[in-house]
């Protein structure tokens, strides 16, 4: 059953997401479904979540093995880390870096 978001819940969910906390964990913390968290994020947005990759972050991707650990340390999603590593590997294979 749907229940409306309070201002406090909405602000808390968006703040956690901006910190890089996974949607599933946010849902658990707030007693919501992952789908409701995703919808909230899509509707209210978080412009600071999509930041450019730094040289230091790219270096960490090259040195570390665990994508999950990298994601946690950088405050980025596992998917974002996986996609960035793939992008860097393709550049390396093509001689672009």
PDB file of N, CA and C in Angstrom:
ATOM      1  N   UNK A   1       0.836  -1.177   0.000  1.00  0.00           N
ATOM      2  CA  UNK A   1       0.000   0.000   0.000  1.00  0.00           C
ATOM      3  C   UNK A   1       0.887   1.248   0.000  1.00  0.00           C
ATOM      4  N   UNK A   2       0.547   2.175  -0.824  1.00  0.00           N
ATOM      5  CA  UNK A   2       1.312   3.425  -0.922  1.00  0.00           C
ATOM      6  C   UNK A   2       1.067   4.306   0.280  1.00  0.00           C
ATOM      7  N   UNK A   3       2.135   4.957   0.683  1.00  0.00           N
ATOM      8  CA  UNK A   3       1.987   6.000   1.694  1.00  0.00           C
ATOM      9  C   UNK A   3       2.769   7.206   1.205  1.00  0.00           C
ATOM     10  N   UNK A   4       2.251   8.379   1.443  1.00  0.00           N
ATOM     11  CA  UNK A   4       2.925   9.579   0.938  1.00  0.00           C
ATOM     12  C   UNK A   4       4.280   9.782   1.620  1.00  0.00           C
ATOM     13  N   UNK A   5       5.177  10.408   0.879  1.00  0.00           N
ATOM     14  CA  UNK A   5       6.493  10.752   1.408  1.00  0.00           C
ATOM     15  C   UNK A   5       6.374  11.983   2.290  1.00  0.00           C
ATOM     16  N   UNK A   6       7.010  11.943   3.440  1.00  0.00           N
ATOM     17  CA  UNK A   6       7.119  13.161   4.237  1.00  0.00           C
ATOM     18  C   UNK A   6       8.313  13.948   3.691  1.00  0.00           C
ATOM     19  N   UNK A   7       8.342  15.219   3.991  1.00  0.00           N
ATOM     20  CA  UNK A   7       9.476  16.043   3.554  1.00  0.00           C
ATOM     21  C   UNK A   7      10.775  15.493   4.124  1.00  0.00           C
ATOM     22  N   UNK A   8      10.751  15.094   5.384  1.00  0.00           N
ATOM     23  CA  UNK A   8      11.946  14.557   6.041  1.00  0.00           C
ATOM     24  C   UNK A   8      12.426  13.278   5.346  1.00  0.00           C
ATOM     25  N   UNK A   9      11.501  12.366   5.043  1.00  0.00           N
ATOM     26  CA  UNK A   9      11.873  11.124   4.350  1.00  0.00           C
ATOM     27  C   UNK A   9      12.472  11.414   2.978  1.00  0.00           C
ATOM     28  N   UNK A  10      11.819  12.302   2.254  1.00  0.00           N
ATOM     29  CA  UNK A  10      12.290  12.641   0.908  1.00  0.00           C
ATOM     30  C   UNK A  10      13.703  13.221   0.965  1.00  0.00           C
ATOM     31  N   UNK A  11      13.912  14.161   1.865  1.00  0.00           N
ATOM     32  CA  UNK A  11      15.237  14.775   1.996  1.00  0.00           C
ATOM     33  C   UNK A  11      16.287  13.751   2.414  1.00  0.00           C
ATOM     34  N   UNK A  12      15.904  12.857   3.320  1.00  0.00           N
ATOM     35  CA  UNK A  12      16.839  11.830   3.783  1.00  0.00           C
ATOM     36  C   UNK A  12      17.195  10.871   2.649  1.00  0.00           C
ATOM     37  N   UNK A  13      16.201  10.429   1.896  1.00  0.00           N
ATOM     38  CA  UNK A  13      16.453   9.504   0.786  1.00  0.00           C
ATOM     39  C   UNK A  13      17.355  10.139  -0.264  1.00  0.00           C
ATOM     40  N   UNK A  14      17.083  11.377  -0.617  1.00  0.00           N
ATOM     41  CA  UNK A  14      17.893  12.058  -1.623  1.00  0.00           C
ATOM     42  C   UNK A  14      19.314  12.312  -1.126  1.00  0.00           C
ATOM     43  N   UNK A  15      19.455  12.628   0.156  1.00  0.00           N
ATOM     44  CA  UNK A  15      20.791  12.849   0.720  1.00  0.00           C
ATOM     45  C   UNK A  15      21.593  11.551   0.717  1.00  0.00           C
ATOM     46  N   UNK A  16      20.965  10.461   1.099  1.00  0.00           N
ATOM     47  CA  UNK A  16      21.655   9.165   1.097  1.00  0.00           C
ATOM     48  C   UNK A  16      22.076   8.781  -0.318  1.00  0.00           C
ATOM     49  N   UNK A  17      21.189   9.009  -1.268  1.00  0.00           N
ATOM     50  CA  UNK A  17      21.507   8.689  -2.662  1.00  0.00           C
ATOM     51  C   UNK A  17      22.674   9.540  -3.155  1.00  0.00           C
ATOM     52  N   UNK A  18      22.672  10.813  -2.810  1.00  0.00           N
ATOM     53  CA  UNK A  18      23.755  11.710  -3.224  1.00  0.00           C
ATOM     54  C   UNK A  18      25.088  11.293  -2.612  1.00  0.00           C
ATOM     55  N   UNK A  19      25.045  10.640  -1.441  1.00  0.00           N
ATOM     56  CA  UNK A  19      26.261  10.140  -0.796  1.00  0.00           C
ATOM     57  C   UNK A  19      26.767   8.853  -1.440  1.00  0.00           C
ATOM     58  N   UNK A  20      25.969   8.283  -2.349  1.00  0.00           N
ATOM     59  CA  UNK A  20      26.385   7.058  -3.016  1.00  0.00           C
ATOM     60  C   UNK A  20      25.848   5.788  -2.384  1.00  0.00           C
ATOM     61  N   UNK A  21      24.919   5.917  -1.454  1.00  0.00           N
ATOM     62  CA  UNK A  21      24.330   4.742  -0.818  1.00  0.00           C
ATOM     63  C   UNK A  21      23.444   4.038  -1.848  1.00  0.00           C
ATOM     64  N   UNK A  22      23.582   2.710  -1.985  1.00  0.00           N
ATOM     65  CA  UNK A  22      22.760   1.979  -2.958  1.00  0.00           C
ATOM     66  C   UNK A  22      21.262   2.094  -2.656  1.00  0.00           C
ATOM     67  N   UNK A  23      20.471   2.062  -3.699  1.00  0.00           N
ATOM     68  CA  UNK A  23      19.017   2.204  -3.570  1.00  0.00           C
ATOM     69  C   UNK A  23      18.430   1.160  -2.631  1.00  0.00           C
ATOM     70  N   UNK A  24      18.894  -0.081  -2.734  1.00  0.00           N
ATOM     71  CA  UNK A  24      18.384  -1.136  -1.856  1.00  0.00           C
ATOM     72  C   UNK A  24      18.618  -0.845  -0.387  1.00  0.00           C
ATOM     73  N   UNK A  25      19.773  -0.304  -0.082  1.00  0.00           N
ATOM     74  CA  UNK A  25      20.093   0.037   1.309  1.00  0.00           C
ATOM     75  C   UNK A  25      19.245   1.213   1.787  1.00  0.00           C
ATOM     76  N   UNK A  26      19.042   2.184   0.917  1.00  0.00           N
ATOM     77  CA  UNK A  26      18.175   3.320   1.271  1.00  0.00           C
ATOM     78  C   UNK A  26      16.770   2.807   1.567  1.00  0.00           C
ATOM     79  N   UNK A  27      16.285   1.917   0.719  1.00  0.00           N
ATOM     80  CA  UNK A  27      14.950   1.350   0.909  1.00  0.00           C
ATOM     81  C   UNK A  27      14.848   0.637   2.258  1.00  0.00           C
ATOM     82  N   UNK A  28      15.860  -0.158   2.592  1.00  0.00           N
ATOM     83  CA  UNK A  28      15.857  -0.859   3.880  1.00  0.00           C
ATOM     84  C   UNK A  28      15.847   0.121   5.045  1.00  0.00           C
ATOM     85  N   UNK A  29      16.671   1.144   4.961  1.00  0.00           N
ATOM     86  CA  UNK A  29      16.766   2.122   6.053  1.00  0.00           C
ATOM     87  C   UNK A  29      15.454   2.862   6.275  1.00  0.00           C
ATOM     88  N   UNK A  30      14.750   3.153   5.179  1.00  0.00           N
ATOM     89  CA  UNK A  30      13.532   3.963   5.284  1.00  0.00           C
ATOM     90  C   UNK A  30      12.246   3.142   5.290  1.00  0.00           C
ATOM     91  N   UNK A  31      12.369   1.826   5.171  1.00  0.00           N
ATOM     92  CA  UNK A  31      11.174   0.988   5.157  1.00  0.00           C
ATOM     93  C   UNK A  31      10.336   1.181   3.908  1.00  0.00           C
ATOM     94  N   UNK A  32      11.003   1.393   2.795  1.00  0.00           N
ATOM     95  CA  UNK A  32      10.349   1.587   1.497  1.00  0.00           C
ATOM     96  C   UNK A  32      10.824   0.513   0.528  1.00  0.00           C
ATOM     97  N   UNK A  33      10.172   0.410  -0.605  1.00  0.00           N
ATOM     98  CA  UNK A  33      10.624  -0.526  -1.632  1.00  0.00           C
ATOM     99  C   UNK A  33      11.696   0.141  -2.489  1.00  0.00           C
ATOM    100  N   UNK A  34      12.587  -0.658  -3.075  1.00  0.00           N
ATOM    101  CA  UNK A  34      13.564  -0.071  -3.995  1.00  0.00           C
ATOM    102  C   UNK A  34      12.898   0.687  -5.140  1.00  0.00           C
ATOM    103  N   UNK A  35      11.749   0.195  -5.605  1.00  0.00           N
ATOM    104  CA  UNK A  35      11.033   0.877  -6.679  1.00  0.00           C
ATOM    105  C   UNK A  35      10.559   2.261  -6.274  1.00  0.00           C
ATOM    106  N   UNK A  36      10.100   2.393  -5.035  1.00  0.00           N
ATOM    107  CA  UNK A  36       9.640   3.713  -4.584  1.00  0.00           C
ATOM    108  C   UNK A  36      10.813   4.676  -4.444  1.00  0.00           C
ATOM    109  N   UNK A  37      11.970   4.155  -4.029  1.00  0.00           N
ATOM    110  CA  UNK A  37      13.165   5.003  -3.936  1.00  0.00           C
ATOM    111  C   UNK A  37      13.585   5.447  -5.333  1.00  0.00           C
ATOM    112  N   UNK A  38      13.586   4.515  -6.278  1.00  0.00           N
ATOM    113  CA  UNK A  38      13.959   4.852  -7.661  1.00  0.00           C
ATOM    114  C   UNK A  38      13.040   5.913  -8.242  1.00  0.00           C
ATOM    115  N   UNK A  39      11.746   5.760  -7.998  1.00  0.00           N
ATOM    116  CA  UNK A  39      10.784   6.741  -8.497  1.00  0.00           C
ATOM    117  C   UNK A  39      11.027   8.107  -7.868  1.00  0.00           C
ATOM    118  N   UNK A  40      11.246   8.131  -6.570  1.00  0.00           N
ATOM    119  CA  UNK A  40      11.527   9.395  -5.885  1.00  0.00           C
ATOM    120  C   UNK A  40      12.745  10.081  -6.497  1.00  0.00           C
ATOM    121  N   UNK A  41      13.795   9.324  -6.723  1.00  0.00           N
ATOM    122  CA  UNK A  41      15.028   9.888  -7.286  1.00  0.00           C
ATOM    123  C   UNK A  41      14.788  10.405  -8.701  1.00  0.00           C
ATOM    124  N   UNK A  42      14.040   9.645  -9.478  1.00  0.00           N
ATOM    125  CA  UNK A  42      13.762  10.065 -10.856  1.00  0.00           C
ATOM    126  C   UNK A  42      12.928  11.348 -10.879  1.00  0.00           C
ATOM    127  N   UNK A  43      11.956  11.456  -9.992  1.00  0.00           N
ATOM    128  CA  UNK A  43      11.068  12.617  -9.964  1.00  0.00           C
ATOM    129  C   UNK A  43      11.759  13.847  -9.373  1.00  0.00           C
ATOM    130  N   UNK A  44      12.457  13.675  -8.258  1.00  0.00           N
ATOM    131  CA  UNK A  44      13.057  14.817  -7.558  1.00  0.00           C
ATOM    132  C   UNK A  44      14.480  15.097  -8.004  1.00  0.00           C
ATOM    133  N   UNK A  45      15.139  14.081  -8.522  1.00  0.00           N
ATOM    134  CA  UNK A  45      16.486  14.250  -9.066  1.00  0.00           C
ATOM    135  C   UNK A  45      17.540  14.618  -8.045  1.00  0.00           C
ATOM    136  N   UNK A  46      18.773  14.354  -8.422  1.00  0.00           N
ATOM    137  CA  UNK A  46      19.921  14.727  -7.599  1.00  0.00           C
ATOM    138  C   UNK A  46      21.046  15.113  -8.544  1.00  0.00           C
ATOM    139  N   UNK A  47      21.154  16.381  -8.881  1.00  0.00           N
ATOM    140  CA  UNK A  47      22.126  16.804  -9.877  1.00  0.00           C
ATOM    141  C   UNK A  47      23.578  16.535  -9.513  1.00  0.00           C
ATOM    142  N   UNK A  48      23.926  16.462  -8.227  1.00  0.00           N
ATOM    143  CA  UNK A  48      25.320  16.253  -7.865  1.00  0.00           C
ATOM    144  C   UNK A  48      25.753  14.794  -7.940  1.00  0.00           C
ATOM    145  N   UNK A  49      24.845  13.881  -8.216  1.00  0.00           N
ATOM    146  CA  UNK A  49      25.186  12.457  -8.267  1.00  0.00           C
ATOM    147  C   UNK A  49      26.025  12.140  -9.498  1.00  0.00           C
ATOM    148  N   UNK A  50      25.812  12.835 -10.582  1.00  0.00           N
ATOM    149  CA  UNK A  50      26.508  12.530 -11.831  1.00  0.00           C
ATOM    150  C   UNK A  50      27.688  13.479 -12.011  1.00  0.00           C
ATOM    151  N   UNK A  51      28.734  13.188 -11.304  1.00  0.00           N
ATOM    152  CA  UNK A  51      29.918  14.038 -11.396  1.00  0.00           C
ATOM    153  C   UNK A  51      30.960  13.388 -12.299  1.00  0.00           C
ATOM    154  N   UNK A  52      31.824  14.193 -12.846  1.00  0.00           N
ATOM    155  CA  UNK A  52      32.876  13.697 -13.733  1.00  0.00           C
ATOM    156  C   UNK A  52      33.864  12.831 -12.957  1.00  0.00           C
ATOM    157  N   UNK A  53      34.456  11.892 -13.679  1.00  0.00           N
ATOM    158  CA  UNK A  53      35.486  11.043 -13.100  1.00  0.00           C
ATOM    159  C   UNK A  53      36.793  11.821 -13.033  1.00  0.00           C
ATOM    160  N   UNK A  54      37.484  11.694 -11.907  1.00  0.00           N
ATOM    161  CA  UNK A  54      38.770  12.366 -11.751  1.00  0.00           C
ATOM    162  C   UNK A  54      39.903  11.421 -12.162  1.00  0.00           C
ATOM    163  N   UNK A  55      41.066  11.978 -12.383  1.00  0.00           N
ATOM    164  CA  UNK A  55      42.251  11.183 -12.702  1.00  0.00           C
ATOM    165  C   UNK A  55      42.561  10.223 -11.556  1.00  0.00           C
ATOM    166  N   UNK A  56      42.401  10.685 -10.323  1.00  0.00           N
ATOM    167  CA  UNK A  56      42.661   9.845  -9.153  1.00  0.00           C
ATOM    168  C   UNK A  56      41.697   8.659  -9.106  1.00  0.00           C
ATOM    169  N   UNK A  57      40.436   8.897  -9.441  1.00  0.00           N
ATOM    170  CA  UNK A  57      39.462   7.805  -9.455  1.00  0.00           C
ATOM    171  C   UNK A  57      39.806   6.796 -10.546  1.00  0.00           C
ATOM    172  N   UNK A  58      40.188   7.290 -11.718  1.00  0.00           N
ATOM    173  CA  UNK A  58      40.584   6.387 -12.802  1.00  0.00           C
ATOM    174  C   UNK A  58      41.794   5.554 -12.398  1.00  0.00           C
ATOM    175  N   UNK A  59      42.732   6.163 -11.687  1.00  0.00           N
ATOM    176  CA  UNK A  59      43.919   5.438 -11.223  1.00  0.00           C
ATOM    177  C   UNK A  59      43.521   4.330 -10.254  1.00  0.00           C
ATOM    178  N   UNK A  60      42.593   4.627  -9.362  1.00  0.00           N
ATOM    179  CA  UNK A  60      42.107   3.628  -8.420  1.00  0.00           C
ATOM    180  C   UNK A  60      41.465   2.463  -9.164  1.00  0.00           C
ATOM    181  N   UNK A  61      40.715   2.760 -10.208  1.00  0.00           N
ATOM    182  CA  UNK A  61      40.105   1.707 -11.020  1.00  0.00           C
ATOM    183  C   UNK A  61      41.162   0.810 -11.649  1.00  0.00           C
ATOM    184  N   UNK A  62      42.288   1.382 -12.021  1.00  0.00           N
ATOM    185  CA  UNK A  62      43.359   0.610 -12.650  1.00  0.00           C
ATOM    186  C   UNK A  62      44.103  -0.259 -11.635  1.00  0.00           C
ATOM    187  N   UNK A  63      44.142   0.165 -10.383  1.00  0.00           N
ATOM    188  CA  UNK A  63      44.947  -0.521  -9.376  1.00  0.00           C
ATOM    189  C   UNK A  63      44.177  -1.540  -8.550  1.00  0.00           C
ATOM    190  N   UNK A  64      42.915  -1.316  -8.277  1.00  0.00           N
ATOM    191  CA  UNK A  64      42.153  -2.173  -7.377  1.00  0.00           C
ATOM    192  C   UNK A  64      41.404  -3.243  -8.147  1.00  0.00           C
ATOM    193  N   UNK A  65      41.161  -4.369  -7.481  1.00  0.00           N
ATOM    194  CA  UNK A  65      40.440  -5.480  -8.092  1.00  0.00           C
ATOM    195  C   UNK A  65      38.936  -5.442  -7.797  1.00  0.00           C
ATOM    196  N   UNK A  66      38.573  -5.116  -6.578  1.00  0.00           N
ATOM    197  CA  UNK A  66      37.181  -5.218  -6.151  1.00  0.00           C
ATOM    198  C   UNK A  66      36.365  -3.999  -6.584  1.00  0.00           C
ATOM    199  N   UNK A  67      35.463  -4.214  -7.530  1.00  0.00           N
ATOM    200  CA  UNK A  67      34.614  -3.112  -7.984  1.00  0.00           C
ATOM    201  C   UNK A  67      33.701  -2.623  -6.867  1.00  0.00           C
ATOM    202  N   UNK A  68      33.224  -3.555  -6.046  1.00  0.00           N
ATOM    203  CA  UNK A  68      32.360  -3.173  -4.935  1.00  0.00           C
ATOM    204  C   UNK A  68      33.077  -2.274  -3.940  1.00  0.00           C
ATOM    205  N   UNK A  69      34.335  -2.604  -3.638  1.00  0.00           N
ATOM    206  CA  UNK A  69      35.120  -1.789  -2.713  1.00  0.00           C
ATOM    207  C   UNK A  69      35.409  -0.416  -3.317  1.00  0.00           C
ATOM    208  N   UNK A  70      35.718  -0.396  -4.606  1.00  0.00           N
ATOM    209  CA  UNK A  70      35.966   0.881  -5.281  1.00  0.00           C
ATOM    210  C   UNK A  70      34.704   1.745  -5.223  1.00  0.00           C
ATOM    211  N   UNK A  71      33.560   1.140  -5.530  1.00  0.00           N
ATOM    212  CA  UNK A  71      32.293   1.882  -5.505  1.00  0.00           C
ATOM    213  C   UNK A  71      32.049   2.477  -4.125  1.00  0.00           C
ATOM    214  N   UNK A  72      32.276   1.679  -3.090  1.00  0.00           N
ATOM    215  CA  UNK A  72      32.063   2.154  -1.727  1.00  0.00           C
ATOM    216  C   UNK A  72      33.007   3.311  -1.398  1.00  0.00           C
ATOM    217  N   UNK A  73      34.273   3.166  -1.729  1.00  0.00           N
ATOM    218  CA  UNK A  73      35.258   4.208  -1.413  1.00  0.00           C
ATOM    219  C   UNK A  73      34.992   5.509  -2.160  1.00  0.00           C
ATOM    220  N   UNK A  74      34.518   5.391  -3.395  1.00  0.00           N
ATOM    221  CA  UNK A  74      34.307   6.587  -4.214  1.00  0.00           C
ATOM    222  C   UNK A  74      32.907   7.177  -4.062  1.00  0.00           C
ATOM    223  N   UNK A  75      32.013   6.445  -3.400  1.00  0.00           N
ATOM    224  CA  UNK A  75      30.639   6.928  -3.278  1.00  0.00           C
ATOM    225  C   UNK A  75      29.912   6.897  -4.606  1.00  0.00           C
ATOM    226  N   UNK A  76      30.238   5.891  -5.410  1.00  0.00           N
ATOM    227  CA  UNK A  76      29.597   5.715  -6.713  1.00  0.00           C
ATOM    228  C   UNK A  76      28.913   4.356  -6.734  1.00  0.00           C
ATOM    229  N   UNK A  77      27.978   4.186  -7.643  1.00  0.00           N
ATOM    230  CA  UNK A  77      27.292   2.906  -7.725  1.00  0.00           C
ATOM    231  C   UNK A  77      28.215   1.850  -8.328  1.00  0.00           C
ATOM    232  N   UNK A  78      27.918   0.598  -8.010  1.00  0.00           N
ATOM    233  CA  UNK A  78      28.675  -0.514  -8.577  1.00  0.00           C
ATOM    234  C   UNK A  78      28.603  -0.455 -10.104  1.00  0.00           C
ATOM    235  N   UNK A  79      27.420  -0.180 -10.631  1.00  0.00           N
ATOM    236  CA  UNK A  79      27.242  -0.118 -12.085  1.00  0.00           C
ATOM    237  C   UNK A  79      28.087   0.985 -12.699  1.00  0.00           C
ATOM    238  N   UNK A  80      28.124   2.149 -12.069  1.00  0.00           N
ATOM    239  CA  UNK A  80      28.938   3.251 -12.598  1.00  0.00           C
ATOM    240  C   UNK A  80      30.412   2.870 -12.630  1.00  0.00           C
ATOM    241  N   UNK A  81      30.883   2.213 -11.580  1.00  0.00           N
ATOM    242  CA  UNK A  81      32.288   1.793 -11.512  1.00  0.00           C
ATOM    243  C   UNK A  81      32.580   0.741 -12.578  1.00  0.00           C
ATOM    244  N   UNK A  82      31.674  -0.221 -12.715  1.00  0.00           N
ATOM    245  CA  UNK A  82      31.862  -1.277 -13.720  1.00  0.00           C
ATOM    246  C   UNK A  82      31.906  -0.684 -15.125  1.00  0.00           C
ATOM    247  N   UNK A  83      30.989   0.223 -15.427  1.00  0.00           N
ATOM    248  CA  UNK A  83      30.957   0.833 -16.757  1.00  0.00           C
ATOM    249  C   UNK A  83      32.196   1.688 -17.022  1.00  0.00           C
ATOM    250  N   UNK A  84      32.646   2.435 -16.003  1.00  0.00           N
ATOM    251  CA  UNK A  84      33.842   3.266 -16.188  1.00  0.00           C
ATOM    252  C   UNK A  84      35.074   2.392 -16.414  1.00  0.00           C
ATOM    253  N   UNK A  85      35.207   1.305 -15.644  1.00  0.00           N
ATOM    254  CA  UNK A  85      36.355   0.415 -15.845  1.00  0.00           C
ATOM    255  C   UNK A  85      36.327  -0.161 -17.261  1.00  0.00           C
ATOM    256  N   UNK A  86      35.155  -0.578 -17.706  1.00  0.00           N
ATOM    257  CA  UNK A  86      35.021  -1.117 -19.065  1.00  0.00           C
ATOM    258  C   UNK A  86      35.439  -0.064 -20.097  1.00  0.00           C
ATOM    259  N   UNK A  87      34.996   1.161 -19.900  1.00  0.00           N
ATOM    260  CA  UNK A  87      35.348   2.258 -20.808  1.00  0.00           C
ATOM    261  C   UNK A  87      36.862   2.471 -20.834  1.00  0.00           C
ATOM    262  N   UNK A  88      37.492   2.462 -19.681  1.00  0.00           N
ATOM    263  CA  UNK A  88      38.945   2.650 -19.613  1.00  0.00           C
ATOM    264  C   UNK A  88      39.692   1.493 -20.268  1.00  0.00           C
ATOM    265  N   UNK A  89      39.214   0.279 -20.066  1.00  0.00           N
ATOM    266  CA  UNK A  89      39.858  -0.885 -20.687  1.00  0.00           C
ATOM    267  C   UNK A  89      39.752  -0.823 -22.206  1.00  0.00           C
ATOM    268  N   UNK A  90      38.610  -0.387 -22.711  1.00  0.00           N
ATOM    269  CA  UNK A  90      38.447  -0.255 -24.166  1.00  0.00           C
ATOM    270  C   UNK A  90      39.396   0.799 -24.720  1.00  0.00           C
ATOM    271  N   UNK A  91      39.530   1.921 -24.013  1.00  0.00           N
ATOM    272  CA  UNK A  91      40.472   2.955 -24.452  1.00  0.00           C
ATOM    273  C   UNK A  91      41.894   2.413 -24.472  1.00  0.00           C
ATOM    274  N   UNK A  92      42.240   1.665 -23.432  1.00  0.00           N
ATOM    275  CA  UNK A  92      43.588   1.094 -23.336  1.00  0.00           C
ATOM    276  C   UNK A  92      43.829   0.114 -24.485  1.00  0.00           C
ATOM    277  N   UNK A  93      42.844  -0.736 -24.766  1.00  0.00           N
ATOM    278  CA  UNK A  93      42.967  -1.719 -25.854  1.00  0.00           C
ATOM    279  C   UNK A  93      43.116  -1.051 -27.211  1.00  0.00           C
ATOM    280  N   UNK A  94      42.525   0.127 -27.364  1.00  0.00           N
ATOM    281  CA  UNK A  94      42.599   0.850 -28.637  1.00  0.00           C
ATOM    282  C   UNK A  94      43.771   1.834 -28.681  1.00  0.00           C
ATOM    283  N   UNK A  95      44.575   1.855 -27.620  1.00  0.00           N
ATOM    284  CA  UNK A  95      45.744   2.726 -27.591  1.00  0.00           C
ATOM    285  C   UNK A  95      45.446   4.184 -27.316  1.00  0.00           C
ATOM    286  N   UNK A  96      44.239   4.477 -26.821  1.00  0.00           N
ATOM    287  CA  UNK A  96      43.868   5.869 -26.543  1.00  0.00           C
ATOM    288  C   UNK A  96      44.435   6.372 -25.220  1.00  0.00           C
ATOM    289  N   UNK A  97      44.850   5.433 -24.353  1.00  0.00           N
ATOM    290  CA  UNK A  97      45.470   5.848 -23.074  1.00  0.00           C
ATOM    291  C   UNK A  97      46.697   5.021 -22.814  1.00  0.00           C
TER     292      UNK A  97
END
